[in-house]
Amino acid sequence: MRADAKKNYEHILAVANVVVTKHGANASLRDIARKAGVGLGTLYRHFPTRAALLDALLRTGFDELTAKARELETASSPDDALVSWLRDVVTFTGNYQGVVAAMTAAMEDTESALHASCVTLRTAGTRLLTRTQAEGLARTDMNGDDLFSLAAALAWLGDQPSSAPRAEHLFRIIASAILSNRASGD
């Protein structure tokens, strides 16, 4: 990619991130192009469909969350690291209304552009969970799939008007349940 094309791509992606975070996944592509200072044709050259733009936004975010998990693997407090990462995942996914369905579908669809990023993100979270479990700080009857499902559930709850005001409370309940070192039924 030429330097100017790469710059346009990155700028469009940054603007799209702001617009989609504010207006949701159905934000106007015309509005994104206008705010990015490019023509609609330029936007479509980089992102031929709305799905392509959303995939690029999500991949970028998932890759950043994966990098953060890798940094947190050596944190002095594995339980705090796990909760911090989980909060970041929930916050990120909560910024994109409807992303939970895209994540769930991508995990099952190996042909999806998001599949590799979702799998890598789940693996990174699993490593944080495993370390926390090894220290005796997290329940042992759950795995990375459970953690990923709980993150998705928390993000979904944040999307629900009736649950949104209690999102932080619900997050603390789930985090507390994860950090219980007792298996269910103990």
N, C-alpha and C. Protein backbone atom coordinates (compact mmCIF):
# COMPACT_ATOMS: atom_id res chain seq x y z
N MET A 1 0.85 -1.17 0.00
CA MET A 1 0.00 0.00 0.00
C MET A 1 0.90 1.24 0.00
N ARG A 2 0.58 2.20 -0.86
CA ARG A 2 1.34 3.45 -0.92
C ARG A 2 1.21 4.19 0.41
N ALA A 3 2.17 5.05 0.69
CA ALA A 3 2.18 5.79 1.96
C ALA A 3 0.92 6.63 2.13
N ASP A 4 0.49 7.33 1.07
CA ASP A 4 -0.71 8.17 1.20
C ASP A 4 -1.97 7.33 1.35
N ALA A 5 -2.01 6.19 0.69
CA ALA A 5 -3.16 5.29 0.81
C ALA A 5 -3.22 4.71 2.23
N LYS A 6 -2.06 4.35 2.76
CA LYS A 6 -2.00 3.81 4.13
C LYS A 6 -2.44 4.87 5.13
N LYS A 7 -2.01 6.11 4.90
CA LYS A 7 -2.41 7.21 5.78
C LYS A 7 -3.92 7.41 5.73
N ASN A 8 -4.49 7.40 4.51
CA ASN A 8 -5.95 7.51 4.36
C ASN A 8 -6.67 6.37 5.09
N TYR A 9 -6.17 5.15 4.89
CA TYR A 9 -6.76 3.97 5.52
C TYR A 9 -6.81 4.14 7.03
N GLU A 10 -5.68 4.50 7.61
CA GLU A 10 -5.59 4.64 9.06
C GLU A 10 -6.46 5.78 9.56
N HIS A 11 -6.50 6.88 8.80
CA HIS A 11 -7.32 8.03 9.20
C HIS A 11 -8.81 7.67 9.13
N ILE A 12 -9.21 7.02 8.07
CA ILE A 12 -10.62 6.60 7.94
C ILE A 12 -10.98 5.66 9.09
N LEU A 13 -10.10 4.74 9.40
CA LEU A 13 -10.35 3.80 10.49
C LEU A 13 -10.50 4.53 11.83
N ALA A 14 -9.64 5.51 12.08
CA ALA A 14 -9.72 6.27 13.34
C ALA A 14 -11.03 7.05 13.42
N VAL A 15 -11.41 7.70 12.33
CA VAL A 15 -12.67 8.45 12.31
C VAL A 15 -13.85 7.49 12.45
N ALA A 16 -13.80 6.39 11.75
CA ALA A 16 -14.88 5.40 11.83
C ALA A 16 -15.04 4.88 13.25
N ASN A 17 -13.93 4.69 13.94
CA ASN A 17 -13.98 4.24 15.32
C ASN A 17 -14.79 5.21 16.18
N VAL A 18 -14.54 6.49 16.03
CA VAL A 18 -15.26 7.51 16.79
C VAL A 18 -16.74 7.51 16.42
N VAL A 19 -17.03 7.50 15.13
CA VAL A 19 -18.41 7.59 14.66
C VAL A 19 -19.20 6.34 15.05
N VAL A 20 -18.61 5.17 14.85
CA VAL A 20 -19.31 3.92 15.16
C VAL A 20 -19.50 3.78 16.67
N THR A 21 -18.52 4.21 17.45
CA THR A 21 -18.67 4.17 18.90
C THR A 21 -19.84 5.04 19.34
N LYS A 22 -19.99 6.19 18.69
CA LYS A 22 -21.07 7.12 19.07
C LYS A 22 -22.43 6.70 18.52
N HIS A 23 -22.46 6.22 17.26
CA HIS A 23 -23.75 5.98 16.59
C HIS A 23 -24.07 4.51 16.34
N GLY A 24 -23.16 3.61 16.67
CA GLY A 24 -23.42 2.19 16.47
C GLY A 24 -22.99 1.69 15.10
N ALA A 25 -23.13 0.40 14.91
CA ALA A 25 -22.65 -0.27 13.70
C ALA A 25 -23.36 0.18 12.44
N ASN A 26 -24.52 0.80 12.57
CA ASN A 26 -25.26 1.27 11.40
C ASN A 26 -25.00 2.74 11.10
N ALA A 27 -23.92 3.28 11.64
CA ALA A 27 -23.56 4.68 11.39
C ALA A 27 -23.43 4.91 9.88
N SER A 28 -23.73 6.11 9.46
CA SER A 28 -23.69 6.46 8.04
C SER A 28 -22.26 6.42 7.50
N LEU A 29 -22.05 5.64 6.44
CA LEU A 29 -20.74 5.60 5.80
C LEU A 29 -20.43 6.95 5.16
N ARG A 30 -21.44 7.60 4.65
CA ARG A 30 -21.26 8.93 4.06
C ARG A 30 -20.76 9.91 5.14
N ASP A 31 -21.32 9.80 6.33
CA ASP A 31 -20.90 10.65 7.44
C ASP A 31 -19.45 10.36 7.83
N ILE A 32 -19.08 9.09 7.85
CA ILE A 32 -17.70 8.71 8.16
C ILE A 32 -16.75 9.31 7.13
N ALA A 33 -17.08 9.17 5.85
CA ALA A 33 -16.23 9.72 4.78
C ALA A 33 -16.12 11.24 4.93
N ARG A 34 -17.24 11.90 5.17
CA ARG A 34 -17.24 13.36 5.30
C ARG A 34 -16.35 13.80 6.47
N LYS A 35 -16.52 13.15 7.62
CA LYS A 35 -15.73 13.51 8.80
C LYS A 35 -14.26 13.18 8.62
N ALA A 36 -13.96 12.18 7.79
CA ALA A 36 -12.57 11.83 7.51
C ALA A 36 -11.96 12.73 6.45
N GLY A 37 -12.81 13.54 5.79
CA GLY A 37 -12.31 14.44 4.76
C GLY A 37 -11.94 13.74 3.47
N VAL A 38 -12.62 12.62 3.20
CA VAL A 38 -12.37 11.88 1.96
C VAL A 38 -13.71 11.67 1.25
N GLY A 39 -13.63 11.35 -0.01
CA GLY A 39 -14.84 11.04 -0.75
C GLY A 39 -15.34 9.64 -0.42
N LEU A 40 -16.60 9.42 -0.70
CA LEU A 40 -17.19 8.11 -0.46
C LEU A 40 -16.47 7.03 -1.26
N GLY A 41 -16.02 7.38 -2.47
CA GLY A 41 -15.28 6.43 -3.29
C GLY A 41 -13.99 5.98 -2.62
N THR A 42 -13.29 6.91 -1.96
CA THR A 42 -12.05 6.56 -1.25
C THR A 42 -12.36 5.61 -0.10
N LEU A 43 -13.42 5.89 0.63
CA LEU A 43 -13.81 5.00 1.72
C LEU A 43 -14.08 3.60 1.17
N TYR A 44 -14.85 3.53 0.07
CA TYR A 44 -15.20 2.22 -0.50
C TYR A 44 -14.00 1.51 -1.12
N ARG A 45 -13.00 2.24 -1.58
CA ARG A 45 -11.79 1.57 -2.09
C ARG A 45 -11.08 0.83 -0.96
N HIS A 46 -11.09 1.42 0.22
CA HIS A 46 -10.44 0.78 1.36
C HIS A 46 -11.34 -0.26 2.02
N PHE A 47 -12.63 0.05 2.07
CA PHE A 47 -13.59 -0.81 2.76
C PHE A 47 -14.81 -0.98 1.85
N PRO A 48 -14.80 -2.02 1.01
CA PRO A 48 -15.85 -2.18 0.00
C PRO A 48 -17.27 -2.33 0.56
N THR A 49 -17.37 -2.76 1.81
CA THR A 49 -18.68 -2.94 2.43
C THR A 49 -18.64 -2.44 3.87
N ARG A 50 -19.80 -2.22 4.42
CA ARG A 50 -19.90 -1.85 5.85
C ARG A 50 -19.26 -2.95 6.70
N ALA A 51 -19.52 -4.20 6.33
CA ALA A 51 -18.95 -5.32 7.09
C ALA A 51 -17.43 -5.29 7.07
N ALA A 52 -16.84 -4.93 5.93
CA ALA A 52 -15.38 -4.86 5.84
C ALA A 52 -14.83 -3.78 6.78
N LEU A 53 -15.51 -2.66 6.86
CA LEU A 53 -15.09 -1.59 7.76
C LEU A 53 -15.22 -2.04 9.22
N LEU A 54 -16.34 -2.63 9.56
CA LEU A 54 -16.54 -3.11 10.93
C LEU A 54 -15.54 -4.20 11.29
N ASP A 55 -15.27 -5.11 10.36
CA ASP A 55 -14.28 -6.15 10.61
C ASP A 55 -12.92 -5.53 10.91
N ALA A 56 -12.54 -4.52 10.13
CA ALA A 56 -11.24 -3.86 10.35
C ALA A 56 -11.20 -3.18 11.72
N LEU A 57 -12.29 -2.51 12.09
CA LEU A 57 -12.35 -1.87 13.40
C LEU A 57 -12.23 -2.89 14.52
N LEU A 58 -12.98 -3.96 14.41
CA LEU A 58 -12.97 -4.99 15.45
C LEU A 58 -11.63 -5.71 15.52
N ARG A 59 -11.07 -6.04 14.37
CA ARG A 59 -9.76 -6.70 14.36
C ARG A 59 -8.71 -5.84 15.05
N THR A 60 -8.71 -4.56 14.74
CA THR A 60 -7.75 -3.65 15.36
C THR A 60 -7.94 -3.65 16.88
N GLY A 61 -9.17 -3.53 17.32
CA GLY A 61 -9.45 -3.53 18.76
C GLY A 61 -9.10 -4.85 19.43
N PHE A 62 -9.45 -5.95 18.80
CA PHE A 62 -9.14 -7.27 19.37
C PHE A 62 -7.63 -7.47 19.45
N ASP A 63 -6.92 -7.02 18.43
CA ASP A 63 -5.46 -7.15 18.45
C ASP A 63 -4.84 -6.32 19.57
N GLU A 64 -5.39 -5.13 19.82
CA GLU A 64 -4.91 -4.30 20.93
C GLU A 64 -5.20 -4.96 22.28
N LEU A 65 -6.38 -5.56 22.41
CA LEU A 65 -6.72 -6.26 23.65
C LEU A 65 -5.84 -7.49 23.86
N THR A 66 -5.49 -8.16 22.78
CA THR A 66 -4.58 -9.31 22.87
C THR A 66 -3.21 -8.85 23.33
N ALA A 67 -2.73 -7.74 22.78
CA ALA A 67 -1.42 -7.19 23.18
C ALA A 67 -1.44 -6.81 24.66
N LYS A 68 -2.55 -6.23 25.12
CA LYS A 68 -2.64 -5.86 26.53
C LYS A 68 -2.59 -7.11 27.40
N ALA A 69 -3.28 -8.17 27.00
CA ALA A 69 -3.26 -9.41 27.78
C ALA A 69 -1.83 -9.94 27.88
N ARG A 70 -1.10 -9.86 26.79
CA ARG A 70 0.30 -10.34 26.82
C ARG A 70 1.13 -9.53 27.79
N GLU A 71 0.91 -8.22 27.83
CA GLU A 71 1.63 -7.37 28.79
C GLU A 71 1.25 -7.73 30.22
N LEU A 72 -0.01 -8.03 30.45
CA LEU A 72 -0.50 -8.32 31.79
C LEU A 72 -0.09 -9.70 32.30
N GLU A 73 0.40 -10.56 31.42
CA GLU A 73 0.80 -11.91 31.83
C GLU A 73 1.88 -11.89 32.90
N THR A 74 2.66 -10.82 32.98
CA THR A 74 3.73 -10.75 33.96
C THR A 74 3.41 -9.77 35.10
N ALA A 75 2.19 -9.32 35.17
CA ALA A 75 1.79 -8.39 36.24
C ALA A 75 1.97 -9.06 37.60
N SER A 76 2.27 -8.26 38.61
CA SER A 76 2.51 -8.83 39.93
C SER A 76 1.24 -9.39 40.58
N SER A 77 0.10 -8.92 40.15
CA SER A 77 -1.17 -9.38 40.71
C SER A 77 -2.01 -10.00 39.59
N PRO A 78 -1.95 -11.33 39.43
CA PRO A 78 -2.68 -11.95 38.32
C PRO A 78 -4.19 -11.74 38.38
N ASP A 79 -4.76 -11.66 39.57
CA ASP A 79 -6.20 -11.45 39.66
C ASP A 79 -6.58 -10.04 39.21
N ASP A 80 -5.80 -9.04 39.61
CA ASP A 80 -6.06 -7.67 39.14
C ASP A 80 -5.86 -7.57 37.63
N ALA A 81 -4.85 -8.27 37.13
CA ALA A 81 -4.58 -8.25 35.68
C ALA A 81 -5.76 -8.85 34.91
N LEU A 82 -6.27 -9.96 35.40
CA LEU A 82 -7.41 -10.61 34.73
C LEU A 82 -8.64 -9.70 34.73
N VAL A 83 -8.94 -9.10 35.86
CA VAL A 83 -10.11 -8.22 35.95
C VAL A 83 -9.93 -6.98 35.08
N SER A 84 -8.73 -6.43 35.07
CA SER A 84 -8.44 -5.25 34.23
C SER A 84 -8.66 -5.58 32.76
N TRP A 85 -8.14 -6.72 32.34
CA TRP A 85 -8.29 -7.14 30.94
C TRP A 85 -9.76 -7.41 30.61
N LEU A 86 -10.46 -8.10 31.51
CA LEU A 86 -11.87 -8.39 31.28
C LEU A 86 -12.67 -7.09 31.15
N ARG A 87 -12.37 -6.12 32.01
CA ARG A 87 -13.06 -4.82 31.93
C ARG A 87 -12.79 -4.16 30.58
N ASP A 88 -11.55 -4.22 30.11
CA ASP A 88 -11.22 -3.62 28.81
C ASP A 88 -11.97 -4.31 27.67
N VAL A 89 -12.07 -5.63 27.74
CA VAL A 89 -12.80 -6.38 26.70
C VAL A 89 -14.27 -5.98 26.72
N VAL A 90 -14.86 -5.93 27.90
CA VAL A 90 -16.28 -5.57 28.02
C VAL A 90 -16.50 -4.14 27.55
N THR A 91 -15.62 -3.24 27.92
CA THR A 91 -15.75 -1.84 27.50
C THR A 91 -15.65 -1.72 25.99
N PHE A 92 -14.64 -2.37 25.41
CA PHE A 92 -14.47 -2.30 23.96
C PHE A 92 -15.68 -2.87 23.24
N THR A 93 -16.09 -4.06 23.61
CA THR A 93 -17.21 -4.68 22.91
C THR A 93 -18.50 -3.92 23.17
N GLY A 94 -18.61 -3.31 24.34
CA GLY A 94 -19.79 -2.51 24.64
C GLY A 94 -19.88 -1.24 23.81
N ASN A 95 -18.74 -0.79 23.29
CA ASN A 95 -18.73 0.42 22.45
C ASN A 95 -19.34 0.17 21.08
N TYR A 96 -19.43 -1.07 20.68
CA TYR A 96 -19.94 -1.41 19.35
C TYR A 96 -21.21 -2.22 19.51
N GLN A 97 -22.33 -1.54 19.47
CA GLN A 97 -23.61 -2.24 19.62
C GLN A 97 -23.71 -3.34 18.57
N GLY A 98 -24.03 -4.53 19.02
CA GLY A 98 -24.18 -5.66 18.11
C GLY A 98 -22.91 -6.47 17.90
N VAL A 99 -21.80 -6.08 18.53
CA VAL A 99 -20.54 -6.79 18.30
C VAL A 99 -20.55 -8.20 18.91
N VAL A 100 -21.35 -8.40 19.93
CA VAL A 100 -21.39 -9.72 20.57
C VAL A 100 -21.80 -10.78 19.56
N ALA A 101 -22.80 -10.48 18.75
CA ALA A 101 -23.23 -11.43 17.72
C ALA A 101 -22.12 -11.67 16.71
N ALA A 102 -21.40 -10.62 16.34
CA ALA A 102 -20.30 -10.77 15.38
C ALA A 102 -19.18 -11.62 15.97
N MET A 103 -18.87 -11.42 17.25
CA MET A 103 -17.83 -12.22 17.91
C MET A 103 -18.23 -13.68 17.96
N THR A 104 -19.45 -13.93 18.36
CA THR A 104 -19.94 -15.31 18.48
C THR A 104 -19.91 -16.01 17.13
N ALA A 105 -20.36 -15.32 16.11
CA ALA A 105 -20.36 -15.90 14.76
C ALA A 105 -18.93 -16.14 14.28
N ALA A 106 -18.03 -15.20 14.56
CA ALA A 106 -16.65 -15.33 14.10
C ALA A 106 -15.93 -16.51 14.76
N MET A 107 -16.27 -16.80 15.99
CA MET A 107 -15.64 -17.93 16.67
C MET A 107 -16.00 -19.25 15.99
N GLU A 108 -17.18 -19.31 15.42
CA GLU A 108 -17.65 -20.54 14.78
C GLU A 108 -17.29 -20.61 13.30
N ASP A 109 -17.07 -19.47 12.68
CA ASP A 109 -16.84 -19.40 11.23
C ASP A 109 -15.36 -19.21 10.94
N THR A 110 -14.67 -20.30 10.62
CA THR A 110 -13.23 -20.22 10.38
C THR A 110 -12.88 -19.40 9.14
N GLU A 111 -13.87 -19.12 8.29
CA GLU A 111 -13.64 -18.30 7.10
C GLU A 111 -13.81 -16.81 7.38
N SER A 112 -14.34 -16.48 8.54
CA SER A 112 -14.59 -15.08 8.89
C SER A 112 -13.28 -14.31 9.02
N ALA A 113 -13.31 -13.05 8.59
CA ALA A 113 -12.14 -12.18 8.73
C ALA A 113 -11.80 -11.96 10.20
N LEU A 114 -12.77 -12.10 11.08
CA LEU A 114 -12.54 -11.88 12.51
C LEU A 114 -12.12 -13.14 13.27
N HIS A 115 -12.24 -14.29 12.64
CA HIS A 115 -12.01 -15.55 13.35
C HIS A 115 -10.64 -15.59 14.04
N ALA A 116 -9.58 -15.34 13.32
CA ALA A 116 -8.23 -15.44 13.89
C ALA A 116 -8.05 -14.47 15.06
N SER A 117 -8.55 -13.24 14.91
CA SER A 117 -8.42 -12.26 16.00
C SER A 117 -9.22 -12.69 17.23
N CYS A 118 -10.40 -13.24 17.02
CA CYS A 118 -11.22 -13.71 18.15
C CYS A 118 -10.55 -14.88 18.86
N VAL A 119 -10.02 -15.81 18.10
CA VAL A 119 -9.36 -16.98 18.69
C VAL A 119 -8.12 -16.53 19.47
N THR A 120 -7.34 -15.63 18.90
CA THR A 120 -6.14 -15.13 19.57
C THR A 120 -6.51 -14.38 20.84
N LEU A 121 -7.57 -13.59 20.78
CA LEU A 121 -8.04 -12.86 21.96
C LEU A 121 -8.48 -13.84 23.06
N ARG A 122 -9.24 -14.85 22.68
CA ARG A 122 -9.68 -15.84 23.66
C ARG A 122 -8.49 -16.57 24.27
N THR A 123 -7.50 -16.92 23.45
CA THR A 123 -6.30 -17.60 23.95
C THR A 123 -5.54 -16.73 24.94
N ALA A 124 -5.43 -15.44 24.64
CA ALA A 124 -4.73 -14.51 25.54
C ALA A 124 -5.47 -14.42 26.88
N GLY A 125 -6.79 -14.35 26.83
CA GLY A 125 -7.57 -14.33 28.07
C GLY A 125 -7.44 -15.62 28.84
N THR A 126 -7.37 -16.73 28.13
CA THR A 126 -7.20 -18.04 28.77
C THR A 126 -5.89 -18.08 29.54
N ARG A 127 -4.83 -17.53 28.96
CA ARG A 127 -3.53 -17.51 29.66
C ARG A 127 -3.63 -16.70 30.96
N LEU A 128 -4.32 -15.57 30.91
CA LEU A 128 -4.49 -14.77 32.14
C LEU A 128 -5.29 -15.55 33.18
N LEU A 129 -6.35 -16.20 32.73
CA LEU A 129 -7.18 -16.99 33.65
C LEU A 129 -6.37 -18.14 34.24
N THR A 130 -5.63 -18.86 33.41
CA THR A 130 -4.85 -20.01 33.87
C THR A 130 -3.83 -19.59 34.92
N ARG A 131 -3.17 -18.46 34.69
CA ARG A 131 -2.19 -17.96 35.67
C ARG A 131 -2.89 -17.62 36.99
N THR A 132 -4.05 -17.00 36.90
CA THR A 132 -4.79 -16.63 38.11
C THR A 132 -5.25 -17.89 38.85
N GLN A 133 -5.66 -18.89 38.10
CA GLN A 133 -6.06 -20.17 38.71
C GLN A 133 -4.85 -20.84 39.37
N ALA A 134 -3.70 -20.81 38.72
CA ALA A 134 -2.49 -21.44 39.26
C ALA A 134 -2.07 -20.81 40.59
N GLU A 135 -2.39 -19.54 40.75
CA GLU A 135 -2.08 -18.84 42.00
C GLU A 135 -3.15 -19.08 43.06
N GLY A 136 -4.19 -19.84 42.71
CA GLY A 136 -5.27 -20.12 43.65
C GLY A 136 -6.22 -18.95 43.84
N LEU A 137 -6.25 -18.04 42.85
CA LEU A 137 -7.05 -16.83 42.99
C LEU A 137 -8.32 -16.82 42.14
N ALA A 138 -8.49 -17.83 41.30
CA ALA A 138 -9.68 -17.90 40.45
C ALA A 138 -10.25 -19.30 40.53
N ARG A 139 -11.53 -19.38 40.34
CA ARG A 139 -12.20 -20.67 40.38
C ARG A 139 -11.59 -21.59 39.32
N THR A 140 -11.55 -22.85 39.63
CA THR A 140 -10.90 -23.82 38.75
C THR A 140 -11.86 -24.57 37.84
N ASP A 141 -13.15 -24.31 37.99
CA ASP A 141 -14.13 -25.03 37.18
C ASP A 141 -14.55 -24.25 35.94
N MET A 142 -13.71 -23.34 35.52
CA MET A 142 -14.00 -22.60 34.29
C MET A 142 -12.76 -22.58 33.41
N ASN A 143 -12.99 -22.31 32.12
CA ASN A 143 -11.89 -22.26 31.17
C ASN A 143 -12.00 -20.99 30.33
N GLY A 144 -11.14 -20.86 29.34
CA GLY A 144 -11.13 -19.67 28.50
C GLY A 144 -12.43 -19.47 27.73
N ASP A 145 -13.06 -20.56 27.31
CA ASP A 145 -14.35 -20.42 26.62
C ASP A 145 -15.39 -19.80 27.56
N ASP A 146 -15.37 -20.23 28.83
CA ASP A 146 -16.30 -19.66 29.80
C ASP A 146 -16.02 -18.16 30.00
N LEU A 147 -14.74 -17.82 30.11
CA LEU A 147 -14.35 -16.42 30.29
C LEU A 147 -14.81 -15.57 29.11
N PHE A 148 -14.60 -16.08 27.91
CA PHE A 148 -15.00 -15.36 26.69
C PHE A 148 -16.52 -15.20 26.65
N SER A 149 -17.24 -16.24 27.04
CA SER A 149 -18.71 -16.18 27.07
C SER A 149 -19.20 -15.17 28.11
N LEU A 150 -18.54 -15.13 29.26
CA LEU A 150 -18.93 -14.16 30.29
C LEU A 150 -18.66 -12.73 29.83
N ALA A 151 -17.54 -12.51 29.15
CA ALA A 151 -17.25 -11.18 28.61
C ALA A 151 -18.32 -10.78 27.60
N ALA A 152 -18.70 -11.71 26.74
CA ALA A 152 -19.74 -11.42 25.74
C ALA A 152 -21.08 -11.14 26.43
N ALA A 153 -21.39 -11.90 27.46
CA ALA A 153 -22.64 -11.69 28.19
C ALA A 153 -22.67 -10.32 28.86
N LEU A 154 -21.54 -9.93 29.46
CA LEU A 154 -21.48 -8.62 30.10
C LEU A 154 -21.63 -7.50 29.07
N ALA A 155 -21.01 -7.65 27.92
CA ALA A 155 -21.14 -6.64 26.86
C ALA A 155 -22.59 -6.58 26.37
N TRP A 156 -23.20 -7.74 26.21
CA TRP A 156 -24.61 -7.78 25.77
C TRP A 156 -25.50 -7.09 26.80
N LEU A 157 -25.28 -7.37 28.07
CA LEU A 157 -26.08 -6.73 29.12
C LEU A 157 -25.95 -5.22 29.07
N GLY A 158 -24.74 -4.74 28.79
CA GLY A 158 -24.53 -3.30 28.67
C GLY A 158 -25.31 -2.68 27.54
N ASP A 159 -25.63 -3.48 26.51
CA ASP A 159 -26.42 -3.00 25.37
C ASP A 159 -27.91 -2.92 25.68
N GLN A 160 -28.34 -3.58 26.73
CA GLN A 160 -29.77 -3.64 27.05
C GLN A 160 -30.15 -2.42 27.89
N PRO A 161 -31.11 -1.64 27.43
CA PRO A 161 -31.49 -0.42 28.17
C PRO A 161 -31.83 -0.69 29.64
N SER A 162 -32.47 -1.80 29.92
CA SER A 162 -32.86 -2.08 31.31
C SER A 162 -31.67 -2.47 32.18
N SER A 163 -30.60 -2.98 31.58
CA SER A 163 -29.43 -3.42 32.34
C SER A 163 -28.31 -2.40 32.36
N ALA A 164 -28.29 -1.50 31.40
CA ALA A 164 -27.17 -0.56 31.27
C ALA A 164 -26.88 0.21 32.56
N PRO A 165 -27.89 0.69 33.29
CA PRO A 165 -27.58 1.43 34.52
C PRO A 165 -26.89 0.57 35.59
N ARG A 166 -27.05 -0.74 35.48
CA ARG A 166 -26.46 -1.64 36.47
C ARG A 166 -25.24 -2.38 35.93
N ALA A 167 -24.72 -1.94 34.81
CA ALA A 167 -23.62 -2.65 34.15
C ALA A 167 -22.41 -2.81 35.06
N GLU A 168 -22.03 -1.76 35.76
CA GLU A 168 -20.86 -1.85 36.65
C GLU A 168 -21.11 -2.83 37.79
N HIS A 169 -22.29 -2.79 38.35
CA HIS A 169 -22.65 -3.72 39.42
C HIS A 169 -22.59 -5.17 38.91
N LEU A 170 -23.15 -5.39 37.75
CA LEU A 170 -23.13 -6.74 37.16
C LEU A 170 -21.71 -7.19 36.86
N PHE A 171 -20.87 -6.26 36.39
CA PHE A 171 -19.47 -6.60 36.14
C PHE A 171 -18.80 -7.06 37.45
N ARG A 172 -19.02 -6.33 38.52
CA ARG A 172 -18.39 -6.69 39.81
C ARG A 172 -18.88 -8.05 40.30
N ILE A 173 -20.15 -8.36 40.09
CA ILE A 173 -20.67 -9.67 40.50
C ILE A 173 -19.95 -10.78 39.73
N ILE A 174 -19.83 -10.62 38.41
CA ILE A 174 -19.17 -11.65 37.59
C ILE A 174 -17.69 -11.74 37.95
N ALA A 175 -17.02 -10.60 38.10
CA ALA A 175 -15.59 -10.62 38.46
C ALA A 175 -15.40 -11.33 39.80
N SER A 176 -16.27 -11.06 40.74
CA SER A 176 -16.18 -11.71 42.05
C SER A 176 -16.40 -13.22 41.92
N ALA A 177 -17.33 -13.61 41.08
CA ALA A 177 -17.58 -15.05 40.88
C ALA A 177 -16.38 -15.73 40.24
N ILE A 178 -15.74 -15.06 39.28
CA ILE A 178 -14.55 -15.63 38.63
C ILE A 178 -13.42 -15.77 39.63
N LEU A 179 -13.25 -14.77 40.48
CA LEU A 179 -12.12 -14.78 41.41
C LEU A 179 -12.35 -15.62 42.65
N SER A 180 -13.52 -16.22 42.75
CA SER A 180 -13.74 -17.18 43.82
C SER A 180 -12.93 -18.42 43.47
N ASN A 181 -12.12 -18.89 44.40
CA ASN A 181 -11.30 -20.07 44.06
C ASN A 181 -12.02 -21.38 44.34
N ARG A 182 -13.30 -21.29 44.61
CA ARG A 182 -14.09 -22.50 44.83
C ARG A 182 -14.82 -22.87 43.55
N ALA A 183 -14.83 -24.12 43.24
CA ALA A 183 -15.65 -24.60 42.12
C ALA A 183 -17.11 -24.58 42.57
N SER A 184 -18.01 -24.47 41.61
CA SER A 184 -19.42 -24.47 41.98
C SER A 184 -19.75 -25.78 42.68
N GLY A 185 -20.56 -25.67 43.72
CA GLY A 185 -20.94 -26.86 44.47
C GLY A 185 -20.03 -27.14 45.64
N ASP A 186 -18.94 -26.35 45.79
CA ASP A 186 -18.04 -26.56 46.94
C ASP A 186 -18.64 -26.00 48.20
